[in-house]
């Protein structure tokens, strides 16, 4: 069991989350409540992802690891709720079925 957040490990998680952010497409109607949710979820995901990159650059791999996992949690939640199209990718995203 690995219990250390190494530079390689945080870089791997950052890369996975970057791929997920690049892949997702907001599919909610522009003037719907769902669009507001999609935008808010995406803002939270990108904010945590940005924080993770900042902490990684500062050498704080533990906080970076926490932030990137929060980012991906928001991404997965949006995918599972159907706020964005992820092209059925169940490797980068946690889907409902």
Protein backbone atom coordinates (compact mmCIF):
# COMPACT_ATOMS: atom_id res chain seq x y z
CA UNK A 1 0.00 0.00 0.00
CA UNK A 2 1.33 3.40 -0.96
CA UNK A 3 0.73 6.07 1.68
CA UNK A 4 2.90 8.85 0.28
CA UNK A 5 1.87 11.48 -2.23
CA UNK A 6 4.87 11.64 -4.53
CA UNK A 7 5.50 14.13 -7.31
CA UNK A 8 4.74 11.40 -9.85
CA UNK A 9 1.49 10.47 -8.16
CA UNK A 10 0.12 14.02 -7.98
CA UNK A 11 1.18 14.64 -11.59
CA UNK A 12 -0.72 11.50 -12.64
CA UNK A 13 -3.90 12.63 -10.88
CA UNK A 14 -3.60 16.14 -12.28
CA UNK A 15 -3.25 14.70 -15.78
CA UNK A 16 -6.32 12.48 -15.36
CA UNK A 17 -8.41 15.40 -14.15
CA UNK A 18 -7.14 17.62 -16.97
CA UNK A 19 -8.22 14.97 -19.49
CA UNK A 20 -11.66 14.79 -17.87
CA UNK A 21 -12.06 18.58 -17.96
CA UNK A 22 -11.03 18.65 -21.62
CA UNK A 23 -13.47 15.89 -22.54
CA UNK A 24 -16.69 17.00 -20.87
CA UNK A 25 -19.22 19.10 -22.78
CA UNK A 26 -22.04 20.99 -21.07
CA UNK A 27 -25.31 19.77 -22.61
CA UNK A 28 -27.94 21.54 -20.55
CA UNK A 29 -30.34 24.07 -22.13
CA UNK A 30 -28.93 27.59 -21.93
CA UNK A 31 -31.76 29.15 -19.88
CA UNK A 32 -32.46 26.16 -17.61
CA UNK A 33 -31.78 25.63 -13.94
CA UNK A 34 -29.67 22.65 -14.99
CA UNK A 35 -27.39 25.02 -16.93
CA UNK A 36 -26.84 27.02 -13.74
CA UNK A 37 -25.95 23.78 -11.95
CA UNK A 38 -23.63 22.69 -14.75
CA UNK A 39 -21.85 26.04 -14.72
CA UNK A 40 -21.54 26.01 -10.92
CA UNK A 41 -20.24 22.42 -10.84
CA UNK A 42 -17.75 23.19 -13.60
CA UNK A 43 -16.62 26.35 -11.79
CA UNK A 44 -16.06 24.34 -8.60
CA UNK A 45 -14.15 21.65 -10.50
CA UNK A 46 -11.91 24.12 -12.33
CA UNK A 47 -11.31 26.14 -9.15
CA UNK A 48 -10.21 23.07 -7.20
CA UNK A 49 -8.12 21.92 -10.16
CA UNK A 50 -6.42 25.34 -10.29
CA UNK A 51 -5.81 25.17 -6.53
CA UNK A 52 -4.31 21.69 -6.94
CA UNK A 53 -1.88 22.94 -9.59
CA UNK A 54 -0.93 25.88 -7.35
CA UNK A 55 -0.25 23.64 -4.33
CA UNK A 56 1.69 21.22 -6.53
CA UNK A 57 3.91 24.07 -7.73
CA UNK A 58 4.45 25.10 -4.11
CA UNK A 59 5.58 21.55 -3.28
CA UNK A 60 2.56 20.84 -1.07
CA UNK A 61 1.64 17.51 -2.65
CA UNK A 62 -0.77 16.46 0.12
CA UNK A 63 -2.98 19.55 -0.27
CA UNK A 64 -2.67 19.31 -4.05
CA UNK A 65 -3.82 15.69 -3.86
CA UNK A 66 -6.84 16.67 -1.75
CA UNK A 67 -7.76 19.51 -4.11
CA UNK A 68 -7.47 17.43 -7.29
CA UNK A 69 -9.70 14.76 -5.74
CA UNK A 70 -12.31 17.39 -4.85
CA UNK A 71 -12.10 18.65 -8.45
CA UNK A 72 -12.69 15.20 -9.85
CA UNK A 73 -15.54 14.65 -7.39
CA UNK A 74 -17.35 17.68 -8.84
CA UNK A 75 -16.64 16.41 -12.35
CA UNK A 76 -18.01 12.95 -11.56
CA UNK A 77 -21.08 14.39 -9.89
CA UNK A 78 -21.89 16.48 -12.96
CA UNK A 79 -21.36 13.51 -15.24
CA UNK A 80 -23.55 11.28 -13.12
CA UNK A 81 -26.34 13.87 -13.03
CA UNK A 82 -26.16 14.28 -16.81
CA UNK A 83 -25.10 17.92 -16.75
CA UNK A 84 -22.50 17.23 -19.41
CA UNK A 85 -21.80 14.73 -22.12
CA UNK A 86 -18.76 12.56 -21.43
CA UNK A 87 -19.25 10.27 -24.41
CA UNK A 88 -19.97 7.28 -22.17
CA UNK A 89 -16.40 7.30 -20.82
CA UNK A 90 -16.51 5.22 -17.65
CA UNK A 91 -12.73 5.32 -17.21
CA UNK A 92 -12.43 9.08 -16.60
CA UNK A 93 -15.90 9.48 -15.09
CA UNK A 94 -18.15 7.69 -12.62
CA UNK A 95 -21.37 7.17 -14.54
CA UNK A 96 -24.75 6.04 -13.22
CA UNK A 97 -25.00 2.93 -15.38
